[in-house]
Structure formats: C-alpha cells, structure tokens
Amino acid sequence: MRLFRQLILIAVIAGVGVGVVTALLHEMTTAPLVIAAEALEGAAADSGHGHDHGDGWAPGEGLPRQLYNIAAHVVGAIGFALLLLVASELAGGLRDGRHGVLWGLAGFASVTLAPGLGLPAELPGMPAADLTARQVWWLATALATAGGLALIVLTRRLPFALLGVGLLALPHGLGAPPTPAAAAPALAALHLDFAVWVLVVGLVFWAALGGALGLLRGRLLRPRPGAAPALEN
C-alpha cells in the first residue's frame, strides 16, 4: 500500500509539472492554428457550406479557455504518468531520469506517433471518418505498438522480436478509417502545420514526463533486486 501511495504521488507531481509546461507549449504552437481553423469553419458555416456542430458548451475565449486547457493537460498528464509507472513497475521500475526518458519515448511511439501516422490530429471543421471507427483503430494501434515494443525490447528473443515487428506493422497494414472527403485548401495548409506541431509537442511531453518520473522514482524508490533491465540500452 505504501508503494502504491508513493507511485500516485510521483505521478501527480510529474503530471502537474509536465502538464502545465505542455499546455503552455500548445498555447504557443497549436492553439493559434486551432483558432484560425475555427475562424475558417465559422466563415464556411455562415456561407452555408460548413459543418453544424450545434450549441454545445465550450469554455469562453481568453483566460477561461487557457485555464481549461491547462487543467485538461494536467489531468491527462497524471493519467499517462500512472500508466507509464505501472508498465515500468512490471519490468522492475524506473532507475533514473535517462531510463525514464527511454520509457517516455516508448510512450510517445505508442500513443502519439504510431496512431498519428494513420490518423493525424484534426483541426475543427475538417472532414473525418466515423468517430467509433477512428477510436477503435487508434486504441488498437496504441496497444499493438506498445505490445510490439515490449516484445522486441523486453524479451530480446528473435521469435518474440519478429512477432513484435508484426504487431507494429499490423494496424498500418490494415489501414486507418478513410476520410470521406478532402479538406479545403486553406484548412489543409493549416492542418499540415498542426499535425507536425502536435508530434513535436507530443515528443517533448513524453520525454519530459518519462524523465521526471524516472528522476522521482529513482530518488524515492529503488528498483526491485533482480529486476529485468528493461529499456536499458
């Protein structure tokens, strides 16, 4: 029980710090692109050619939106920190910051990079495939990538490594749900910049989160004796 409480404390500390920093990075990089896309969507709706998303709730512009964005990033960062800690504990626990960064990069590959290759992050107003199909493909890709990396890195045996490579390739071989129509040229140009920045900020987020968890875990707890040297190299 003491270990469980310490892991939660580590996840909260790392999640709050990294979540705030990531939210600020998004404010400087992707938020202006989202606002520009919303302006294009509003102009298209006024002309009768846009998508009607109804009158659902949304945070007010300015400070309320920024605070809501920070809160959402912090909550998400804490959740991902817990997942990363649990996964690494099953392999013996994080030893230090460098070890944590390697685990963070594995998280980036599983949660951000691999799903983003088939389903890049979307801007408001963009045509998209069925939501359920996208969610199923995204989750399957994240799980397959995480499982493939685990088989390759943790087992270090050729048959399992080959199986891991197959898992990495499987979702992309099946293909992501196709987009029903092309985005308008102006929106497509914004989308390219947006997708790139999402990957860049995602890389910073996962590397920083893993590093922070490794530093905190290495100082507060020690890896179990005889644990497998997961992601050592």
C-alpha atoms as a PDB file:
ATOM      1  CA  MET A   1       0.000   0.000   0.000  1.00  0.00           C
ATOM      2  CA  ARG A   2       2.894   2.364   0.770  1.00  0.00           C
ATOM      3  CA  LEU A   3       4.383   1.709  -2.670  1.00  0.00           C
ATOM      4  CA  PHE A   4       1.002   2.412  -4.279  1.00  0.00           C
ATOM      5  CA  ARG A   5       0.697   5.765  -2.483  1.00  0.00           C
ATOM      6  CA  GLN A   6       4.228   6.743  -3.443  1.00  0.00           C
ATOM      7  CA  LEU A   7       3.628   5.912  -7.090  1.00  0.00           C
ATOM      8  CA  ILE A   8       0.470   8.012  -7.119  1.00  0.00           C
ATOM      9  CA  LEU A   9       2.356  10.907  -5.504  1.00  0.00           C
ATOM     10  CA  ILE A  10       5.131  10.610  -8.111  1.00  0.00           C
ATOM     11  CA  ALA A  11       2.573  10.562 -10.930  1.00  0.00           C
ATOM     12  CA  VAL A  12       0.764  13.621  -9.567  1.00  0.00           C
ATOM     13  CA  ILE A  13       3.946  15.671  -9.091  1.00  0.00           C
ATOM     14  CA  ALA A  14       5.303  14.808 -12.528  1.00  0.00           C
ATOM     15  CA  GLY A  15       1.897  15.145 -14.195  1.00  0.00           C
ATOM     16  CA  VAL A  16       1.200  18.604 -12.806  1.00  0.00           C
ATOM     17  CA  GLY A  17       4.603  19.981 -13.785  1.00  0.00           C
ATOM     18  CA  VAL A  18       4.771  18.439 -17.257  1.00  0.00           C
ATOM     19  CA  GLY A  19       1.062  19.083 -17.901  1.00  0.00           C
ATOM     20  CA  VAL A  20       1.408  22.821 -17.247  1.00  0.00           C
ATOM     21  CA  VAL A  21       4.508  23.092 -19.439  1.00  0.00           C
ATOM     22  CA  THR A  22       2.847  21.154 -22.258  1.00  0.00           C
ATOM     23  CA  ALA A  23      -0.272  23.296 -22.079  1.00  0.00           C
ATOM     24  CA  LEU A  24       1.876  26.417 -22.441  1.00  0.00           C
ATOM     25  CA  LEU A  25       3.683  24.867 -25.415  1.00  0.00           C
ATOM     26  CA  HIS A  26       0.348  24.146 -27.073  1.00  0.00           C
ATOM     27  CA  GLU A  27      -0.744  27.730 -26.432  1.00  0.00           C
ATOM     28  CA  MET A  28       2.304  28.930 -28.377  1.00  0.00           C
ATOM     29  CA  THR A  29       2.173  26.373 -31.211  1.00  0.00           C
ATOM     30  CA  THR A  30      -1.132  24.630 -31.912  1.00  0.00           C
ATOM     31  CA  ALA A  31      -3.663  26.990 -30.293  1.00  0.00           C
ATOM     32  CA  PRO A  32      -3.241  29.749 -32.939  1.00  0.00           C
ATOM     33  CA  LEU A  33      -3.829  27.137 -35.648  1.00  0.00           C
ATOM     34  CA  VAL A  34      -6.981  25.895 -33.908  1.00  0.00           C
ATOM     35  CA  ILE A  35      -8.289  29.461 -33.640  1.00  0.00           C
ATOM     36  CA  ALA A  36      -7.567  30.064 -37.334  1.00  0.00           C
ATOM     37  CA  ALA A  37      -9.356  26.825 -38.253  1.00  0.00           C
ATOM     38  CA  GLU A  38     -12.358  27.815 -36.145  1.00  0.00           C
ATOM     39  CA  ALA A  39     -12.490  31.130 -37.996  1.00  0.00           C
ATOM     40  CA  LEU A  40     -12.498  29.287 -41.319  1.00  0.00           C
ATOM     41  CA  GLU A  41     -15.184  26.927 -40.048  1.00  0.00           C
ATOM     42  CA  GLY A  42     -17.306  29.860 -38.910  1.00  0.00           C
ATOM     43  CA  ALA A  43     -16.955  31.584 -42.281  1.00  0.00           C
ATOM     44  CA  ALA A  44     -17.930  28.369 -44.074  1.00  0.00           C
ATOM     45  CA  ALA A  45     -20.949  27.911 -41.784  1.00  0.00           C
ATOM     46  CA  ASP A  46     -22.083  31.471 -42.459  1.00  0.00           C
ATOM     47  CA  SER A  47     -21.943  30.786 -46.177  1.00  0.00           C
ATOM     48  CA  GLY A  48     -23.938  27.585 -45.745  1.00  0.00           C
ATOM     49  CA  HIS A  49     -21.119  25.165 -46.623  1.00  0.00           C
ATOM     50  CA  GLY A  50     -19.763  24.334 -43.175  1.00  0.00           C
ATOM     51  CA  HIS A  51     -20.418  21.685 -40.545  1.00  0.00           C
ATOM     52  CA  ASP A  52     -23.053  22.391 -37.906  1.00  0.00           C
ATOM     53  CA  HIS A  53     -21.749  21.275 -34.503  1.00  0.00           C
ATOM     54  CA  GLY A  54     -24.724  22.601 -32.553  1.00  0.00           C
ATOM     55  CA  ASP A  55     -24.650  24.840 -29.500  1.00  0.00           C
ATOM     56  CA  GLY A  56     -22.699  22.585 -27.132  1.00  0.00           C
ATOM     57  CA  TRP A  57     -20.782  24.000 -24.211  1.00  0.00           C
ATOM     58  CA  ALA A  58     -17.328  25.454 -24.786  1.00  0.00           C
ATOM     59  CA  PRO A  59     -15.052  27.497 -22.495  1.00  0.00           C
ATOM     60  CA  GLY A  60     -15.053  31.237 -23.035  1.00  0.00           C
ATOM     61  CA  GLU A  61     -12.326  32.858 -25.080  1.00  0.00           C
ATOM     62  CA  GLY A  62      -9.187  34.176 -23.432  1.00  0.00           C
ATOM     63  CA  LEU A  63      -8.305  33.230 -19.867  1.00  0.00           C
ATOM     64  CA  PRO A  64     -11.179  30.720 -19.291  1.00  0.00           C
ATOM     65  CA  ARG A  65     -10.130  28.763 -22.356  1.00  0.00           C
ATOM     66  CA  GLN A  66      -6.463  28.829 -21.324  1.00  0.00           C
ATOM     67  CA  LEU A  67      -7.241  27.668 -17.775  1.00  0.00           C
ATOM     68  CA  TYR A  68      -9.463  24.873 -19.072  1.00  0.00           C
ATOM     69  CA  ASN A  69      -6.685  23.865 -21.466  1.00  0.00           C
ATOM     70  CA  ILE A  70      -4.135  23.732 -18.627  1.00  0.00           C
ATOM     71  CA  ALA A  71      -6.497  21.700 -16.422  1.00  0.00           C
ATOM     72  CA  ALA A  72      -7.161  19.217 -19.230  1.00  0.00           C
ATOM     73  CA  HIS A  73      -3.431  18.794 -19.896  1.00  0.00           C
ATOM     74  CA  VAL A  74      -2.656  18.285 -16.207  1.00  0.00           C
ATOM     75  CA  VAL A  75      -5.359  15.626 -15.794  1.00  0.00           C
ATOM     76  CA  GLY A  76      -4.203  13.853 -18.957  1.00  0.00           C
ATOM     77  CA  ALA A  77      -0.551  14.022 -17.888  1.00  0.00           C
ATOM     78  CA  ILE A  78      -1.335  12.481 -14.498  1.00  0.00           C
ATOM     79  CA  GLY A  79      -3.260   9.672 -16.177  1.00  0.00           C
ATOM     80  CA  PHE A  80      -0.452   8.922 -18.642  1.00  0.00           C
ATOM     81  CA  ALA A  81       2.088   9.124 -15.812  1.00  0.00           C
ATOM     82  CA  LEU A  82       0.195   6.437 -13.903  1.00  0.00           C
ATOM     83  CA  LEU A  83       0.063   4.205 -16.988  1.00  0.00           C
ATOM     84  CA  LEU A  84       3.781   4.676 -17.615  1.00  0.00           C
ATOM     85  CA  LEU A  85       4.630   3.961 -13.983  1.00  0.00           C
ATOM     86  CA  VAL A  86       2.512   0.809 -13.867  1.00  0.00           C
ATOM     87  CA  ALA A  87       4.033  -0.516 -17.104  1.00  0.00           C
ATOM     88  CA  SER A  88       7.578   0.214 -15.948  1.00  0.00           C
ATOM     89  CA  GLU A  89       6.937  -1.290 -12.498  1.00  0.00           C
ATOM     90  CA  LEU A  90       6.035  -4.581 -14.176  1.00  0.00           C
ATOM     91  CA  ALA A  91       9.526  -4.515 -15.711  1.00  0.00           C
ATOM     92  CA  GLY A  92      11.323  -3.647 -12.476  1.00  0.00           C
ATOM     93  CA  GLY A  93      10.786   0.093 -12.053  1.00  0.00           C
ATOM     94  CA  LEU A  94      12.447   3.217 -13.401  1.00  0.00           C
ATOM     95  CA  ARG A  95      16.012   3.696 -12.188  1.00  0.00           C
ATOM     96  CA  ASP A  96      16.826   7.286 -13.135  1.00  0.00           C
ATOM     97  CA  GLY A  97      15.969  10.135 -15.483  1.00  0.00           C
ATOM     98  CA  ARG A  98      17.665   8.610 -18.534  1.00  0.00           C
ATOM     99  CA  HIS A  99      15.823   5.353 -18.032  1.00  0.00           C
ATOM    100  CA  GLY A 100      12.592   7.291 -17.665  1.00  0.00           C
ATOM    101  CA  VAL A 101      13.183   9.195 -20.919  1.00  0.00           C
ATOM    102  CA  LEU A 102      13.549   5.888 -22.777  1.00  0.00           C
ATOM    103  CA  TRP A 103      10.232   4.711 -21.372  1.00  0.00           C
ATOM    104  CA  GLY A 104       8.735   8.080 -22.259  1.00  0.00           C
ATOM    105  CA  LEU A 105       9.889   7.679 -25.866  1.00  0.00           C
ATOM    106  CA  ALA A 106       8.204   4.285 -25.942  1.00  0.00           C
ATOM    107  CA  GLY A 107       5.022   6.002 -24.734  1.00  0.00           C
ATOM    108  CA  PHE A 108       5.375   8.628 -27.466  1.00  0.00           C
ATOM    109  CA  ALA A 109       5.755   5.933 -30.128  1.00  0.00           C
ATOM    110  CA  SER A 110       2.712   4.030 -28.836  1.00  0.00           C
ATOM    111  CA  VAL A 111       0.267   6.825 -28.052  1.00  0.00           C
ATOM    112  CA  THR A 112       1.245   9.688 -30.363  1.00  0.00           C
ATOM    113  CA  LEU A 113       3.495   8.695 -33.266  1.00  0.00           C
ATOM    114  CA  ALA A 114       2.052   5.368 -34.433  1.00  0.00           C
ATOM    115  CA  PRO A 115      -1.645   6.414 -34.265  1.00  0.00           C
ATOM    116  CA  GLY A 116      -0.734   9.801 -35.771  1.00  0.00           C
ATOM    117  CA  LEU A 117       0.734   8.178 -38.870  1.00  0.00           C
ATOM    118  CA  GLY A 118      -2.719   6.900 -39.827  1.00  0.00           C
ATOM    119  CA  LEU A 119      -4.945   9.438 -38.098  1.00  0.00           C
ATOM    120  CA  PRO A 120      -3.167  12.796 -37.788  1.00  0.00           C
ATOM    121  CA  ALA A 121      -4.559  15.176 -35.189  1.00  0.00           C
ATOM    122  CA  GLU A 122      -7.528  17.033 -36.644  1.00  0.00           C
ATOM    123  CA  LEU A 123      -8.479  20.680 -36.740  1.00  0.00           C
ATOM    124  CA  PRO A 124     -12.042  21.978 -36.281  1.00  0.00           C
ATOM    125  CA  GLY A 125     -14.080  21.840 -39.473  1.00  0.00           C
ATOM    126  CA  MET A 126     -12.119  19.006 -41.066  1.00  0.00           C
ATOM    127  CA  PRO A 127     -13.943  16.067 -42.664  1.00  0.00           C
ATOM    128  CA  ALA A 128     -13.401  12.879 -40.691  1.00  0.00           C
ATOM    129  CA  ALA A 129     -14.280   9.206 -40.711  1.00  0.00           C
ATOM    130  CA  ASP A 130     -16.802   7.679 -38.320  1.00  0.00           C
ATOM    131  CA  LEU A 131     -15.866   8.509 -34.727  1.00  0.00           C
ATOM    132  CA  THR A 132     -16.246   4.955 -33.406  1.00  0.00           C
ATOM    133  CA  ALA A 133     -14.098   3.536 -36.218  1.00  0.00           C
ATOM    134  CA  ARG A 134     -11.396   6.114 -35.505  1.00  0.00           C
ATOM    135  CA  GLN A 135     -11.438   5.408 -31.784  1.00  0.00           C
ATOM    136  CA  VAL A 136     -11.209   1.643 -32.300  1.00  0.00           C
ATOM    137  CA  TRP A 137      -8.316   1.982 -34.772  1.00  0.00           C
ATOM    138  CA  TRP A 138      -6.480   4.456 -32.533  1.00  0.00           C
ATOM    139  CA  LEU A 139      -6.785   2.218 -29.455  1.00  0.00           C
ATOM    140  CA  ALA A 140      -5.822  -0.920 -31.384  1.00  0.00           C
ATOM    141  CA  THR A 141      -2.792   0.842 -32.863  1.00  0.00           C
ATOM    142  CA  ALA A 142      -1.627   2.141 -29.487  1.00  0.00           C
ATOM    143  CA  LEU A 143      -1.971  -1.313 -27.890  1.00  0.00           C
ATOM    144  CA  ALA A 144      -0.313  -3.092 -30.822  1.00  0.00           C
ATOM    145  CA  THR A 145       2.590  -0.644 -30.809  1.00  0.00           C
ATOM    146  CA  ALA A 146       3.097  -0.932 -27.062  1.00  0.00           C
ATOM    147  CA  GLY A 147       2.895  -4.715 -27.253  1.00  0.00           C
ATOM    148  CA  GLY A 148       5.271  -4.860 -30.205  1.00  0.00           C
ATOM    149  CA  LEU A 149       7.854  -2.689 -28.485  1.00  0.00           C
ATOM    150  CA  ALA A 150       7.576  -4.769 -25.320  1.00  0.00           C
ATOM    151  CA  LEU A 151       8.184  -7.986 -27.247  1.00  0.00           C
ATOM    152  CA  ILE A 152      11.186  -6.519 -29.058  1.00  0.00           C
ATOM    153  CA  VAL A 153      12.871  -4.756 -26.139  1.00  0.00           C
ATOM    154  CA  LEU A 154      11.904  -6.728 -23.053  1.00  0.00           C
ATOM    155  CA  THR A 155      12.163 -10.314 -24.286  1.00  0.00           C
ATOM    156  CA  ARG A 156      15.243  -9.908 -26.521  1.00  0.00           C
ATOM    157  CA  ARG A 157      14.495 -13.182 -28.266  1.00  0.00           C
ATOM    158  CA  LEU A 158      14.284 -13.460 -32.042  1.00  0.00           C
ATOM    159  CA  PRO A 159      10.878 -15.222 -32.315  1.00  0.00           C
ATOM    160  CA  PHE A 160       9.266 -12.675 -29.985  1.00  0.00           C
ATOM    161  CA  ALA A 161      11.049  -9.798 -31.738  1.00  0.00           C
ATOM    162  CA  LEU A 162       9.658 -10.939 -35.096  1.00  0.00           C
ATOM    163  CA  LEU A 163       6.202 -11.140 -33.555  1.00  0.00           C
ATOM    164  CA  GLY A 164       6.719  -7.636 -32.176  1.00  0.00           C
ATOM    165  CA  VAL A 165       7.630  -6.291 -35.611  1.00  0.00           C
ATOM    166  CA  GLY A 166       4.461  -7.877 -36.967  1.00  0.00           C
ATOM    167  CA  LEU A 167       2.397  -6.170 -34.282  1.00  0.00           C
ATOM    168  CA  LEU A 168       3.984  -2.806 -35.108  1.00  0.00           C
ATOM    169  CA  ALA A 169       3.092  -3.187 -38.786  1.00  0.00           C
ATOM    170  CA  LEU A 170      -0.352  -4.774 -38.417  1.00  0.00           C
ATOM    171  CA  PRO A 171      -2.527  -1.655 -37.828  1.00  0.00           C
ATOM    172  CA  HIS A 172      -0.875   0.216 -40.682  1.00  0.00           C
ATOM    173  CA  GLY A 173      -1.214  -2.777 -42.973  1.00  0.00           C
ATOM    174  CA  LEU A 174      -4.949  -2.882 -42.242  1.00  0.00           C
ATOM    175  CA  GLY A 175      -5.132   0.889 -42.675  1.00  0.00           C
ATOM    176  CA  ALA A 176      -6.877   3.645 -40.747  1.00  0.00           C
ATOM    177  CA  PRO A 177     -10.526   4.509 -41.454  1.00  0.00           C
ATOM    178  CA  PRO A 178     -10.537   6.573 -44.666  1.00  0.00           C
ATOM    179  CA  THR A 179     -11.520  10.242 -44.610  1.00  0.00           C
ATOM    180  CA  PRO A 180     -14.716  10.700 -46.662  1.00  0.00           C
ATOM    181  CA  ALA A 181     -13.640  13.944 -48.349  1.00  0.00           C
ATOM    182  CA  ALA A 182     -10.668  16.246 -48.769  1.00  0.00           C
ATOM    183  CA  ALA A 183     -10.320  19.361 -46.621  1.00  0.00           C
ATOM    184  CA  ALA A 184     -10.488  22.806 -48.167  1.00  0.00           C
ATOM    185  CA  PRO A 185      -7.070  24.032 -49.372  1.00  0.00           C
ATOM    186  CA  ALA A 186      -6.776  26.733 -46.707  1.00  0.00           C
ATOM    187  CA  LEU A 187      -7.668  24.257 -43.955  1.00  0.00           C
ATOM    188  CA  ALA A 188      -5.355  21.592 -45.395  1.00  0.00           C
ATOM    189  CA  ALA A 189      -2.418  24.012 -45.193  1.00  0.00           C
ATOM    190  CA  LEU A 190      -3.176  24.712 -41.538  1.00  0.00           C
ATOM    191  CA  HIS A 191      -3.600  21.009 -40.879  1.00  0.00           C
ATOM    192  CA  LEU A 192      -0.087  20.161 -42.041  1.00  0.00           C
ATOM    193  CA  ASP A 193       1.459  22.627 -39.596  1.00  0.00           C
ATOM    194  CA  PHE A 194      -0.917  21.464 -36.863  1.00  0.00           C
ATOM    195  CA  ALA A 195      -0.083  17.763 -37.298  1.00  0.00           C
ATOM    196  CA  VAL A 196       3.659  18.496 -37.197  1.00  0.00           C
ATOM    197  CA  TRP A 197       3.407  20.619 -34.058  1.00  0.00           C
ATOM    198  CA  VAL A 198       1.256  18.002 -32.324  1.00  0.00           C
ATOM    199  CA  LEU A 199       4.007  15.439 -32.902  1.00  0.00           C
ATOM    200  CA  VAL A 200       6.743  17.833 -31.762  1.00  0.00           C
ATOM    201  CA  VAL A 201       4.927  18.820 -28.570  1.00  0.00           C
ATOM    202  CA  GLY A 202       3.969  15.183 -28.003  1.00  0.00           C
ATOM    203  CA  LEU A 203       7.629  14.188 -28.189  1.00  0.00           C
ATOM    204  CA  VAL A 204       8.567  16.872 -25.653  1.00  0.00           C
ATOM    205  CA  PHE A 205       5.677  15.836 -23.415  1.00  0.00           C
ATOM    206  CA  TRP A 206       6.535  12.135 -23.306  1.00  0.00           C
ATOM    207  CA  ALA A 207      10.294  12.636 -22.955  1.00  0.00           C
ATOM    208  CA  ALA A 208       9.775  15.164 -20.138  1.00  0.00           C
ATOM    209  CA  LEU A 209       7.152  13.008 -18.427  1.00  0.00           C
ATOM    210  CA  GLY A 210       9.325   9.896 -18.546  1.00  0.00           C
ATOM    211  CA  GLY A 211      12.383  11.828 -17.377  1.00  0.00           C
ATOM    212  CA  ALA A 212      10.507  13.402 -14.467  1.00  0.00           C
ATOM    213  CA  LEU A 213       9.059  10.048 -13.426  1.00  0.00           C
ATOM    214  CA  GLY A 214      12.487   8.425 -13.640  1.00  0.00           C
ATOM    215  CA  LEU A 215      14.098  11.121 -11.504  1.00  0.00           C
ATOM    216  CA  LEU A 216      11.375  10.991  -8.868  1.00  0.00           C
ATOM    217  CA  ARG A 217      11.149   7.189  -8.901  1.00  0.00           C
ATOM    218  CA  GLY A 218      14.926   6.851  -8.703  1.00  0.00           C
ATOM    219  CA  ARG A 219      15.120   9.165  -5.690  1.00  0.00           C
ATOM    220  CA  LEU A 220      12.120   7.912  -3.752  1.00  0.00           C
ATOM    221  CA  LEU A 221      12.164   4.216  -4.608  1.00  0.00           C
ATOM    222  CA  ARG A 222      14.740   1.704  -5.738  1.00  0.00           C
ATOM    223  CA  PRO A 223      14.222  -0.883  -8.494  1.00  0.00           C
ATOM    224  CA  ARG A 224      13.475  -4.334  -7.160  1.00  0.00           C
ATOM    225  CA  PRO A 225      16.521  -6.634  -6.816  1.00  0.00           C
ATOM    226  CA  GLY A 226      16.910  -8.962  -9.793  1.00  0.00           C
ATOM    227  CA  ALA A 227      14.510  -6.957 -11.975  1.00  0.00           C
ATOM    228  CA  ALA A 228      14.882  -7.213 -15.730  1.00  0.00           C
ATOM    229  CA  PRO A 229      16.998  -4.398 -17.261  1.00  0.00           C
ATOM    230  CA  ALA A 230      14.098  -3.136 -19.358  1.00  0.00           C
ATOM    231  CA  LEU A 231      14.877  -0.470 -21.958  1.00  0.00           C
ATOM    232  CA  GLU A 232      18.409  -0.192 -20.641  1.00  0.00           C
ATOM    233  CA  ASN A 233      20.072   0.422 -23.992  1.00  0.00           C
END
